[in-house]
Amino acid sequence: MKALILVDIQNDFCPGGALAVQEGDQVVPVANKMMEQFDLIVATQDWHPADHGSFAANHEGKTPGEIIDLNGLPQILWPVHCVQESVGAAFVSDLNTDKIHKIFPKGTDKTIDSYSGFFDNGHRKATGLGDYLKEKNVSEVYVMGLATDYCVKFTALDAIELGFSTFLIEDGCRGVNLKEGDVVAAILEMKEKGVQVIHYTV
């Protein structure tokens, strides 16, 4: 059984959003087309409380891009984004959400961030995605969405760790690239860990 994992295709990560990824909206037509090829489709959704510890605004004198210690883990500070129930946290309107079987919210605990769709950044709690896929007898997962160098990368790496054959749909992703070369490095790291990189052009 194969599953498609759509990572964080939300308004705040697309042009005009609070944490916009360049060309982030261009993953949407790829996602809609890819959904036609899968019997099981799941999505992750960044779903932060307003007082989340990853928001620079919640740390006096700090600005986005700085790194702090957040409960024992290094944490990049971000602009306020994907706050629960906000427009920014909603899926992009052009995304065909009718085909999504289950949504896995992440980043809901203000004390720890969660890039991966499977676990928080400290692997302290699971989102339930891994168990859900195993219950459905999934052996192969195909990962795409936003952003290549953060949530997509960590979702793909955790999928490999959990024993799934993992494929990255590279042209169905866009990256943050805080530092020049971050996206290239992320793809290289995924390949080195066993993720197979494929392309699908609409």
N, C-alpha and C. Protein backbone atom coordinates (compact mmCIF):
# COMPACT_ATOMS: atom_id res chain seq x y z
N MET A 1 0.84 -1.21 0.00
CA MET A 1 0.00 0.00 0.00
C MET A 1 0.87 1.25 0.00
N LYS A 2 0.50 2.21 -0.84
CA LYS A 2 1.23 3.46 -0.95
C LYS A 2 0.39 4.59 -0.35
N ALA A 3 1.08 5.55 0.24
CA ALA A 3 0.38 6.73 0.76
C ALA A 3 1.09 8.00 0.31
N LEU A 4 0.30 9.02 0.07
CA LEU A 4 0.83 10.35 -0.26
C LEU A 4 0.73 11.21 1.00
N ILE A 5 1.86 11.80 1.39
CA ILE A 5 1.88 12.70 2.55
C ILE A 5 2.07 14.13 2.04
N LEU A 6 1.07 14.97 2.27
CA LEU A 6 1.12 16.37 1.89
C LEU A 6 1.53 17.17 3.12
N VAL A 7 2.66 17.82 3.05
CA VAL A 7 3.22 18.50 4.22
C VAL A 7 2.91 20.01 4.19
N ASP A 8 2.09 20.44 5.13
CA ASP A 8 1.91 21.87 5.45
C ASP A 8 1.64 22.77 4.25
N ILE A 9 0.70 22.39 3.42
CA ILE A 9 0.35 23.24 2.27
C ILE A 9 -0.69 24.25 2.76
N GLN A 10 -0.19 25.24 3.49
CA GLN A 10 -1.02 26.19 4.22
C GLN A 10 -0.74 27.62 3.78
N ASN A 11 -1.73 28.48 4.01
CA ASN A 11 -1.63 29.86 3.52
C ASN A 11 -0.39 30.60 4.00
N ASP A 12 -0.03 30.41 5.26
CA ASP A 12 1.11 31.16 5.80
C ASP A 12 2.44 30.79 5.15
N PHE A 13 2.51 29.63 4.49
CA PHE A 13 3.75 29.22 3.83
C PHE A 13 3.75 29.56 2.34
N CYS A 14 2.70 30.21 1.88
CA CYS A 14 2.60 30.58 0.47
C CYS A 14 2.72 32.09 0.31
N PRO A 15 3.01 32.57 -0.90
CA PRO A 15 3.18 34.00 -1.12
C PRO A 15 2.04 34.81 -0.48
N GLY A 16 2.44 35.84 0.28
CA GLY A 16 1.46 36.65 1.00
C GLY A 16 1.26 36.20 2.43
N GLY A 17 1.79 35.03 2.78
CA GLY A 17 1.64 34.49 4.13
C GLY A 17 2.71 34.99 5.07
N ALA A 18 2.53 34.69 6.36
CA ALA A 18 3.44 35.19 7.40
C ALA A 18 4.84 34.61 7.30
N LEU A 19 4.96 33.41 6.78
CA LEU A 19 6.27 32.76 6.63
C LEU A 19 6.33 32.18 5.22
N ALA A 20 6.21 33.08 4.26
CA ALA A 20 6.04 32.67 2.87
C ALA A 20 7.30 32.00 2.31
N VAL A 21 7.08 30.89 1.65
CA VAL A 21 8.13 30.19 0.92
C VAL A 21 8.02 30.62 -0.54
N GLN A 22 9.13 31.03 -1.12
CA GLN A 22 9.10 31.48 -2.51
C GLN A 22 8.51 30.38 -3.40
N GLU A 23 7.51 30.75 -4.20
CA GLU A 23 6.82 29.82 -5.11
C GLU A 23 6.09 28.71 -4.36
N GLY A 24 5.81 28.91 -3.08
CA GLY A 24 5.13 27.87 -2.31
C GLY A 24 3.81 27.43 -2.91
N ASP A 25 3.10 28.36 -3.54
CA ASP A 25 1.80 28.03 -4.13
C ASP A 25 1.93 27.10 -5.34
N GLN A 26 3.15 27.01 -5.89
CA GLN A 26 3.33 26.17 -7.08
C GLN A 26 3.30 24.66 -6.78
N VAL A 27 3.32 24.31 -5.49
CA VAL A 27 3.21 22.88 -5.16
C VAL A 27 1.76 22.41 -5.24
N VAL A 28 0.81 23.34 -5.23
CA VAL A 28 -0.61 22.96 -5.16
C VAL A 28 -1.07 22.18 -6.39
N PRO A 29 -0.80 22.65 -7.63
CA PRO A 29 -1.23 21.85 -8.78
C PRO A 29 -0.57 20.47 -8.82
N VAL A 30 0.68 20.39 -8.35
CA VAL A 30 1.35 19.08 -8.30
C VAL A 30 0.61 18.17 -7.32
N ALA A 31 0.27 18.72 -6.15
CA ALA A 31 -0.45 17.94 -5.14
C ALA A 31 -1.79 17.44 -5.68
N ASN A 32 -2.53 18.32 -6.31
CA ASN A 32 -3.84 17.94 -6.84
C ASN A 32 -3.73 16.84 -7.89
N LYS A 33 -2.68 16.92 -8.69
CA LYS A 33 -2.48 15.91 -9.73
C LYS A 33 -2.03 14.58 -9.11
N MET A 34 -1.12 14.67 -8.13
CA MET A 34 -0.61 13.45 -7.50
C MET A 34 -1.70 12.70 -6.75
N MET A 35 -2.65 13.42 -6.19
CA MET A 35 -3.72 12.77 -5.41
C MET A 35 -4.54 11.78 -6.25
N GLU A 36 -4.55 12.00 -7.55
CA GLU A 36 -5.30 11.11 -8.43
C GLU A 36 -4.68 9.71 -8.47
N GLN A 37 -3.41 9.61 -8.06
CA GLN A 37 -2.68 8.34 -8.19
C GLN A 37 -2.60 7.53 -6.90
N PHE A 38 -3.26 8.01 -5.84
CA PHE A 38 -3.14 7.35 -4.54
C PHE A 38 -4.50 7.01 -3.95
N ASP A 39 -4.55 5.86 -3.30
CA ASP A 39 -5.77 5.46 -2.59
C ASP A 39 -5.79 6.00 -1.17
N LEU A 40 -4.62 6.37 -0.64
CA LEU A 40 -4.56 6.91 0.72
C LEU A 40 -3.74 8.21 0.71
N ILE A 41 -4.38 9.27 1.17
CA ILE A 41 -3.74 10.59 1.20
C ILE A 41 -3.90 11.17 2.59
N VAL A 42 -2.78 11.58 3.17
CA VAL A 42 -2.83 12.24 4.47
C VAL A 42 -2.14 13.60 4.35
N ALA A 43 -2.45 14.48 5.28
CA ALA A 43 -1.84 15.81 5.27
C ALA A 43 -1.40 16.18 6.68
N THR A 44 -0.29 16.90 6.76
CA THR A 44 0.11 17.47 8.04
C THR A 44 -0.26 18.94 8.02
N GLN A 45 -0.49 19.48 9.22
CA GLN A 45 -0.92 20.87 9.34
C GLN A 45 -0.25 21.50 10.56
N ASP A 46 0.59 22.50 10.29
CA ASP A 46 1.17 23.27 11.39
C ASP A 46 0.02 23.94 12.13
N TRP A 47 -0.04 23.78 13.45
CA TRP A 47 -1.24 24.19 14.20
C TRP A 47 -0.80 24.70 15.58
N HIS A 48 -0.23 25.91 15.57
CA HIS A 48 0.42 26.44 16.76
C HIS A 48 -0.53 27.23 17.66
N PRO A 49 -0.38 27.10 18.98
CA PRO A 49 -1.02 28.07 19.87
C PRO A 49 -0.32 29.43 19.70
N ALA A 50 -1.04 30.51 20.00
CA ALA A 50 -0.49 31.86 19.78
C ALA A 50 0.75 32.13 20.63
N ASP A 51 0.88 31.41 21.75
CA ASP A 51 2.04 31.62 22.63
C ASP A 51 3.15 30.61 22.39
N HIS A 52 3.23 30.10 21.17
CA HIS A 52 4.22 29.05 20.88
C HIS A 52 5.65 29.57 21.06
N GLY A 53 6.50 28.71 21.61
CA GLY A 53 7.88 29.08 21.92
C GLY A 53 8.77 29.30 20.72
N SER A 54 8.32 28.90 19.53
CA SER A 54 9.14 29.09 18.33
C SER A 54 8.94 30.47 17.71
N PHE A 55 8.00 31.26 18.25
CA PHE A 55 7.73 32.58 17.67
C PHE A 55 8.65 33.62 18.29
N ALA A 56 9.39 34.32 17.46
CA ALA A 56 10.30 35.36 17.95
C ALA A 56 9.53 36.39 18.79
N ALA A 57 8.30 36.68 18.40
CA ALA A 57 7.49 37.68 19.10
C ALA A 57 7.24 37.32 20.56
N ASN A 58 7.38 36.06 20.91
CA ASN A 58 7.16 35.62 22.28
C ASN A 58 8.43 35.64 23.13
N HIS A 59 9.51 36.19 22.57
CA HIS A 59 10.78 36.30 23.30
C HIS A 59 11.28 37.73 23.17
N GLU A 60 11.26 38.46 24.26
CA GLU A 60 11.59 39.88 24.23
C GLU A 60 12.99 40.11 23.65
N GLY A 61 13.05 41.01 22.70
CA GLY A 61 14.33 41.39 22.12
C GLY A 61 14.86 40.45 21.05
N LYS A 62 14.11 39.39 20.75
CA LYS A 62 14.56 38.41 19.76
C LYS A 62 13.92 38.68 18.40
N THR A 63 14.61 38.28 17.34
CA THR A 63 14.09 38.47 15.99
C THR A 63 14.11 37.13 15.24
N PRO A 64 13.23 37.00 14.25
CA PRO A 64 13.23 35.76 13.45
C PRO A 64 14.61 35.45 12.89
N GLY A 65 14.97 34.17 12.92
CA GLY A 65 16.27 33.73 12.43
C GLY A 65 17.26 33.47 13.54
N GLU A 66 17.05 34.09 14.70
CA GLU A 66 17.92 33.80 15.85
C GLU A 66 17.66 32.40 16.37
N ILE A 67 18.65 31.83 17.03
CA ILE A 67 18.51 30.49 17.60
C ILE A 67 18.58 30.60 19.12
N ILE A 68 17.61 29.98 19.79
CA ILE A 68 17.58 29.96 21.25
C ILE A 68 17.55 28.50 21.71
N ASP A 69 17.64 28.32 23.01
CA ASP A 69 17.40 27.01 23.60
C ASP A 69 15.94 26.98 24.04
N LEU A 70 15.19 26.02 23.54
CA LEU A 70 13.79 25.86 23.92
C LEU A 70 13.62 24.48 24.55
N ASN A 71 13.58 24.47 25.87
CA ASN A 71 13.42 23.22 26.60
C ASN A 71 14.44 22.16 26.20
N GLY A 72 15.69 22.61 26.10
CA GLY A 72 16.79 21.67 25.85
C GLY A 72 17.09 21.40 24.40
N LEU A 73 16.38 22.05 23.50
CA LEU A 73 16.63 21.85 22.07
C LEU A 73 16.94 23.19 21.40
N PRO A 74 17.89 23.21 20.44
CA PRO A 74 18.11 24.45 19.69
C PRO A 74 16.86 24.76 18.86
N GLN A 75 16.43 25.99 18.89
CA GLN A 75 15.20 26.38 18.21
C GLN A 75 15.43 27.64 17.38
N ILE A 76 15.23 27.54 16.07
CA ILE A 76 15.21 28.73 15.22
C ILE A 76 13.92 29.48 15.52
N LEU A 77 14.04 30.78 15.70
CA LEU A 77 12.84 31.60 15.93
C LEU A 77 12.23 32.03 14.60
N TRP A 78 10.92 31.94 14.52
CA TRP A 78 10.18 32.23 13.30
C TRP A 78 9.20 33.38 13.53
N PRO A 79 8.75 34.00 12.46
CA PRO A 79 7.61 34.92 12.62
C PRO A 79 6.38 34.13 13.11
N VAL A 80 5.44 34.83 13.71
CA VAL A 80 4.18 34.18 14.12
C VAL A 80 3.52 33.61 12.87
N HIS A 81 3.19 32.32 12.90
CA HIS A 81 2.60 31.68 11.72
C HIS A 81 1.74 30.49 12.11
N CYS A 82 0.79 30.17 11.27
CA CYS A 82 -0.07 28.98 11.41
C CYS A 82 -0.65 28.87 12.83
N VAL A 83 -1.17 30.00 13.31
CA VAL A 83 -1.84 29.99 14.62
C VAL A 83 -3.20 29.30 14.48
N GLN A 84 -3.49 28.45 15.44
CA GLN A 84 -4.72 27.65 15.39
C GLN A 84 -5.94 28.51 15.06
N GLU A 85 -6.76 28.01 14.14
CA GLU A 85 -8.02 28.64 13.71
C GLU A 85 -7.83 29.90 12.86
N SER A 86 -6.58 30.28 12.57
CA SER A 86 -6.36 31.48 11.76
C SER A 86 -6.45 31.16 10.27
N VAL A 87 -6.62 32.21 9.48
CA VAL A 87 -6.63 32.04 8.02
C VAL A 87 -5.29 31.50 7.55
N GLY A 88 -4.21 31.96 8.18
CA GLY A 88 -2.87 31.52 7.79
C GLY A 88 -2.65 30.04 7.99
N ALA A 89 -3.33 29.47 8.99
CA ALA A 89 -3.16 28.04 9.27
C ALA A 89 -4.00 27.15 8.36
N ALA A 90 -4.95 27.76 7.65
CA ALA A 90 -5.83 26.98 6.77
C ALA A 90 -5.06 26.47 5.56
N PHE A 91 -5.54 25.35 5.02
CA PHE A 91 -4.96 24.85 3.78
C PHE A 91 -5.25 25.83 2.64
N VAL A 92 -4.35 25.89 1.68
CA VAL A 92 -4.53 26.76 0.52
C VAL A 92 -5.85 26.39 -0.17
N SER A 93 -6.62 27.40 -0.52
CA SER A 93 -7.98 27.14 -1.01
C SER A 93 -8.01 26.31 -2.29
N ASP A 94 -6.96 26.40 -3.11
CA ASP A 94 -6.92 25.64 -4.37
C ASP A 94 -6.56 24.17 -4.17
N LEU A 95 -6.14 23.81 -2.95
CA LEU A 95 -5.80 22.41 -2.68
C LEU A 95 -7.07 21.59 -2.56
N ASN A 96 -7.08 20.45 -3.25
CA ASN A 96 -8.28 19.60 -3.24
C ASN A 96 -8.34 18.77 -1.94
N THR A 97 -8.82 19.41 -0.89
CA THR A 97 -8.82 18.77 0.43
C THR A 97 -9.86 17.65 0.53
N ASP A 98 -10.80 17.58 -0.41
CA ASP A 98 -11.81 16.51 -0.37
C ASP A 98 -11.18 15.12 -0.45
N LYS A 99 -9.99 15.05 -1.04
CA LYS A 99 -9.35 13.74 -1.23
C LYS A 99 -8.47 13.34 -0.05
N ILE A 100 -8.30 14.24 0.92
CA ILE A 100 -7.45 13.94 2.07
C ILE A 100 -8.22 13.09 3.07
N HIS A 101 -7.66 11.93 3.42
CA HIS A 101 -8.36 11.01 4.32
C HIS A 101 -8.22 11.40 5.79
N LYS A 102 -7.05 11.91 6.15
CA LYS A 102 -6.85 12.29 7.55
C LYS A 102 -5.80 13.39 7.64
N ILE A 103 -6.04 14.31 8.58
CA ILE A 103 -5.12 15.43 8.81
C ILE A 103 -4.44 15.25 10.16
N PHE A 104 -3.13 15.45 10.18
CA PHE A 104 -2.36 15.32 11.42
C PHE A 104 -1.80 16.69 11.80
N PRO A 105 -2.40 17.32 12.83
CA PRO A 105 -1.86 18.60 13.29
C PRO A 105 -0.54 18.40 14.03
N LYS A 106 0.32 19.39 13.95
CA LYS A 106 1.61 19.32 14.62
C LYS A 106 2.00 20.70 15.13
N GLY A 107 2.96 20.72 16.08
CA GLY A 107 3.35 21.99 16.67
C GLY A 107 2.32 22.54 17.63
N THR A 108 1.49 21.66 18.19
CA THR A 108 0.40 22.10 19.07
C THR A 108 0.86 22.36 20.50
N ASP A 109 2.03 21.86 20.87
CA ASP A 109 2.57 22.05 22.22
C ASP A 109 3.49 23.28 22.20
N LYS A 110 3.16 24.29 22.99
CA LYS A 110 3.92 25.55 22.94
C LYS A 110 5.37 25.39 23.40
N THR A 111 5.69 24.29 24.06
CA THR A 111 7.03 24.13 24.63
C THR A 111 8.01 23.44 23.68
N ILE A 112 7.52 22.98 22.52
CA ILE A 112 8.42 22.28 21.60
C ILE A 112 7.89 22.41 20.18
N ASP A 113 8.79 22.61 19.22
CA ASP A 113 8.36 22.74 17.83
C ASP A 113 8.25 21.34 17.21
N SER A 114 7.64 21.30 16.06
CA SER A 114 7.41 20.01 15.41
C SER A 114 7.49 20.19 13.91
N TYR A 115 8.68 19.92 13.34
CA TYR A 115 8.83 20.01 11.89
C TYR A 115 8.27 18.76 11.21
N SER A 116 8.58 17.61 11.75
CA SER A 116 8.16 16.35 11.15
C SER A 116 6.66 16.12 11.34
N GLY A 117 6.07 15.44 10.36
CA GLY A 117 4.68 15.04 10.51
C GLY A 117 4.49 13.86 11.44
N PHE A 118 5.59 13.23 11.85
CA PHE A 118 5.51 12.04 12.70
C PHE A 118 5.76 12.32 14.18
N PHE A 119 6.70 13.22 14.48
CA PHE A 119 7.11 13.48 15.87
C PHE A 119 7.39 14.96 16.07
N ASP A 120 7.45 15.37 17.34
CA ASP A 120 7.99 16.69 17.63
C ASP A 120 9.51 16.65 17.45
N ASN A 121 10.15 17.81 17.57
CA ASN A 121 11.58 17.90 17.27
C ASN A 121 12.47 17.15 18.25
N GLY A 122 11.95 16.82 19.40
CA GLY A 122 12.72 16.04 20.36
C GLY A 122 12.34 14.57 20.38
N HIS A 123 11.46 14.20 19.45
CA HIS A 123 10.92 12.82 19.41
C HIS A 123 10.35 12.42 20.78
N ARG A 124 9.74 13.40 21.44
CA ARG A 124 9.16 13.14 22.77
C ARG A 124 7.74 12.62 22.65
N LYS A 125 7.03 13.10 21.64
CA LYS A 125 5.65 12.64 21.41
C LYS A 125 5.45 12.38 19.92
N ALA A 126 4.62 11.39 19.64
CA ALA A 126 4.26 11.09 18.25
C ALA A 126 2.94 11.75 17.90
N THR A 127 2.78 12.06 16.63
CA THR A 127 1.52 12.67 16.17
C THR A 127 0.43 11.63 15.91
N GLY A 128 0.85 10.37 15.78
CA GLY A 128 -0.10 9.31 15.42
C GLY A 128 -0.03 8.92 13.95
N LEU A 129 0.71 9.70 13.17
CA LEU A 129 0.79 9.42 11.72
C LEU A 129 1.43 8.06 11.45
N GLY A 130 2.52 7.75 12.13
CA GLY A 130 3.19 6.47 11.90
C GLY A 130 2.29 5.29 12.18
N ASP A 131 1.60 5.32 13.32
CA ASP A 131 0.69 4.23 13.68
C ASP A 131 -0.46 4.13 12.68
N TYR A 132 -0.97 5.26 12.25
CA TYR A 132 -2.07 5.28 11.29
C TYR A 132 -1.66 4.60 9.98
N LEU A 133 -0.47 4.96 9.48
CA LEU A 133 -0.01 4.36 8.22
C LEU A 133 0.22 2.86 8.37
N LYS A 134 0.75 2.46 9.50
CA LYS A 134 0.99 1.03 9.72
C LYS A 134 -0.32 0.25 9.84
N GLU A 135 -1.32 0.86 10.48
CA GLU A 135 -2.64 0.23 10.56
C GLU A 135 -3.24 0.02 9.18
N LYS A 136 -2.91 0.93 8.27
CA LYS A 136 -3.43 0.85 6.89
C LYS A 136 -2.54 -0.02 6.00
N ASN A 137 -1.54 -0.67 6.60
CA ASN A 137 -0.61 -1.54 5.86
C ASN A 137 0.17 -0.81 4.78
N VAL A 138 0.50 0.44 5.07
CA VAL A 138 1.30 1.23 4.13
C VAL A 138 2.76 0.81 4.24
N SER A 139 3.40 0.59 3.10
CA SER A 139 4.83 0.27 3.09
C SER A 139 5.64 1.34 2.36
N GLU A 140 4.98 2.11 1.49
CA GLU A 140 5.66 3.16 0.72
C GLU A 140 4.98 4.49 0.97
N VAL A 141 5.79 5.53 1.25
CA VAL A 141 5.22 6.86 1.38
C VAL A 141 5.89 7.81 0.39
N TYR A 142 5.09 8.71 -0.13
CA TYR A 142 5.55 9.72 -1.07
C TYR A 142 5.29 11.07 -0.41
N VAL A 143 6.37 11.85 -0.24
CA VAL A 143 6.30 13.07 0.55
C VAL A 143 6.49 14.28 -0.35
N MET A 144 5.65 15.30 -0.14
CA MET A 144 5.80 16.56 -0.88
C MET A 144 5.16 17.67 -0.06
N GLY A 145 5.50 18.91 -0.40
CA GLY A 145 4.89 20.05 0.29
C GLY A 145 5.90 21.10 0.68
N LEU A 146 5.65 21.70 1.86
CA LEU A 146 6.43 22.85 2.31
C LEU A 146 6.94 22.63 3.74
N ALA A 147 8.16 22.93 4.01
CA ALA A 147 9.18 23.40 3.08
C ALA A 147 10.26 22.32 3.00
N THR A 148 10.92 22.25 1.85
CA THR A 148 11.88 21.18 1.57
C THR A 148 12.90 20.99 2.68
N ASP A 149 13.45 22.12 3.17
CA ASP A 149 14.57 22.06 4.09
C ASP A 149 14.18 22.00 5.56
N TYR A 150 12.87 21.95 5.83
CA TYR A 150 12.43 21.84 7.22
C TYR A 150 11.39 20.71 7.35
N CYS A 151 10.14 21.05 7.24
CA CYS A 151 9.11 20.06 7.56
C CYS A 151 9.08 18.87 6.60
N VAL A 152 9.34 19.12 5.33
CA VAL A 152 9.40 18.01 4.37
C VAL A 152 10.58 17.10 4.70
N LYS A 153 11.74 17.71 4.92
CA LYS A 153 12.94 16.91 5.20
C LYS A 153 12.75 16.03 6.44
N PHE A 154 12.29 16.63 7.52
CA PHE A 154 12.19 15.86 8.77
C PHE A 154 11.08 14.82 8.70
N THR A 155 10.03 15.10 7.94
CA THR A 155 8.98 14.08 7.73
C THR A 155 9.55 12.89 6.96
N ALA A 156 10.30 13.17 5.90
CA ALA A 156 10.88 12.09 5.09
C ALA A 156 11.90 11.28 5.90
N LEU A 157 12.74 11.96 6.68
CA LEU A 157 13.75 11.25 7.47
C LEU A 157 13.10 10.36 8.54
N ASP A 158 12.04 10.86 9.16
CA ASP A 158 11.35 10.03 10.16
C ASP A 158 10.65 8.85 9.49
N ALA A 159 10.13 9.06 8.29
CA ALA A 159 9.48 7.95 7.57
C ALA A 159 10.48 6.83 7.32
N ILE A 160 11.70 7.20 6.91
CA ILE A 160 12.76 6.20 6.71
C ILE A 160 13.07 5.47 8.01
N GLU A 161 13.20 6.25 9.09
CA GLU A 161 13.51 5.66 10.40
C GLU A 161 12.43 4.66 10.84
N LEU A 162 11.20 4.94 10.47
CA LEU A 162 10.08 4.08 10.86
C LEU A 162 9.93 2.87 9.94
N GLY A 163 10.78 2.78 8.92
CA GLY A 163 10.79 1.59 8.08
C GLY A 163 10.00 1.68 6.79
N PHE A 164 9.50 2.88 6.48
CA PHE A 164 8.76 3.04 5.22
C PHE A 164 9.73 3.27 4.07
N SER A 165 9.44 2.67 2.92
CA SER A 165 10.15 3.07 1.69
C SER A 165 9.67 4.48 1.38
N THR A 166 10.61 5.41 1.27
CA THR A 166 10.23 6.82 1.23
C THR A 166 10.72 7.50 -0.03
N PHE A 167 9.81 8.21 -0.67
CA PHE A 167 10.09 8.92 -1.91
C PHE A 167 9.80 10.39 -1.71
N LEU A 168 10.70 11.24 -2.17
CA LEU A 168 10.49 12.68 -2.16
C LEU A 168 10.09 13.12 -3.56
N ILE A 169 8.95 13.75 -3.69
CA ILE A 169 8.53 14.31 -4.98
C ILE A 169 9.12 15.72 -5.05
N GLU A 170 10.31 15.81 -5.64
CA GLU A 170 11.10 17.04 -5.50
C GLU A 170 10.41 18.26 -6.10
N ASP A 171 9.78 18.11 -7.26
CA ASP A 171 9.15 19.28 -7.86
C ASP A 171 7.79 19.59 -7.23
N GLY A 172 7.40 18.81 -6.25
CA GLY A 172 6.22 19.11 -5.45
C GLY A 172 6.58 19.76 -4.13
N CYS A 173 7.81 20.28 -4.04
CA CYS A 173 8.30 20.93 -2.82
C CYS A 173 8.93 22.28 -3.16
N ARG A 174 8.94 23.15 -2.18
CA ARG A 174 9.71 24.39 -2.25
C ARG A 174 10.33 24.61 -0.88
N GLY A 175 11.49 25.32 -0.87
CA GLY A 175 12.24 25.45 0.38
C GLY A 175 12.31 26.87 0.91
N VAL A 176 12.66 26.97 2.19
CA VAL A 176 12.84 28.27 2.84
C VAL A 176 14.18 28.88 2.42
N ASN A 177 15.25 28.07 2.46
CA ASN A 177 16.60 28.51 2.10
C ASN A 177 17.04 29.72 2.94
N LEU A 178 16.92 29.59 4.26
CA LEU A 178 17.39 30.66 5.16
C LEU A 178 18.83 31.01 4.82
N LYS A 179 19.63 29.98 4.60
CA LYS A 179 21.00 30.16 4.11
C LYS A 179 21.07 29.58 2.71
N GLU A 180 21.76 30.25 1.83
CA GLU A 180 21.92 29.77 0.45
C GLU A 180 22.47 28.34 0.48
N GLY A 181 21.81 27.45 -0.22
CA GLY A 181 22.28 26.07 -0.27
C GLY A 181 21.56 25.13 0.68
N ASP A 182 20.68 25.67 1.55
CA ASP A 182 19.97 24.82 2.52
C ASP A 182 19.12 23.74 1.83
N VAL A 183 18.47 24.12 0.75
CA VAL A 183 17.59 23.16 0.06
C VAL A 183 18.41 22.04 -0.57
N VAL A 184 19.50 22.42 -1.22
CA VAL A 184 20.38 21.42 -1.84
C VAL A 184 20.92 20.47 -0.78
N ALA A 185 21.35 21.03 0.35
CA ALA A 185 21.88 20.21 1.45
C ALA A 185 20.82 19.28 2.01
N ALA A 186 19.58 19.77 2.12
CA ALA A 186 18.49 18.96 2.65
C ALA A 186 18.21 17.75 1.75
N ILE A 187 18.20 18.00 0.45
CA ILE A 187 17.94 16.90 -0.49
C ILE A 187 19.07 15.89 -0.45
N LEU A 188 20.30 16.38 -0.35
CA LEU A 188 21.45 15.49 -0.25
C LEU A 188 21.37 14.63 1.03
N GLU A 189 20.99 15.26 2.13
CA GLU A 189 20.87 14.51 3.39
C GLU A 189 19.80 13.43 3.28
N MET A 190 18.67 13.78 2.67
CA MET A 190 17.60 12.80 2.50
C MET A 190 18.07 11.61 1.66
N LYS A 191 18.77 11.92 0.57
CA LYS A 191 19.30 10.85 -0.29
C LYS A 191 20.25 9.95 0.47
N GLU A 192 21.13 10.57 1.26
CA GLU A 192 22.12 9.79 2.02
C GLU A 192 21.46 8.86 3.03
N LYS A 193 20.29 9.27 3.53
CA LYS A 193 19.59 8.44 4.53
C LYS A 193 18.67 7.40 3.88
N GLY A 194 18.59 7.43 2.54
CA GLY A 194 17.81 6.39 1.86
C GLY A 194 16.54 6.85 1.20
N VAL A 195 16.24 8.14 1.26
CA VAL A 195 15.06 8.66 0.57
C VAL A 195 15.34 8.69 -0.93
N GLN A 196 14.39 8.18 -1.70
CA GLN A 196 14.54 8.19 -3.15
C GLN A 196 13.88 9.46 -3.71
N VAL A 197 14.64 10.22 -4.46
CA VAL A 197 14.14 11.49 -5.00
C VAL A 197 13.59 11.26 -6.41
N ILE A 198 12.33 11.64 -6.58
CA ILE A 198 11.68 11.46 -7.88
C ILE A 198 11.09 12.79 -8.31
N HIS A 199 10.66 12.85 -9.57
CA HIS A 199 10.08 14.08 -10.11
C HIS A 199 8.73 13.77 -10.75
N TYR A 200 7.84 14.72 -10.56
CA TYR A 200 6.56 14.63 -11.29
C TYR A 200 6.25 16.02 -11.77
N THR A 201 6.23 16.22 -13.06
CA THR A 201 5.93 17.54 -13.60
C THR A 201 4.53 17.52 -14.18
N VAL A 202 3.69 18.45 -13.69
CA VAL A 202 2.29 18.52 -14.18
C VAL A 202 2.30 18.95 -15.63
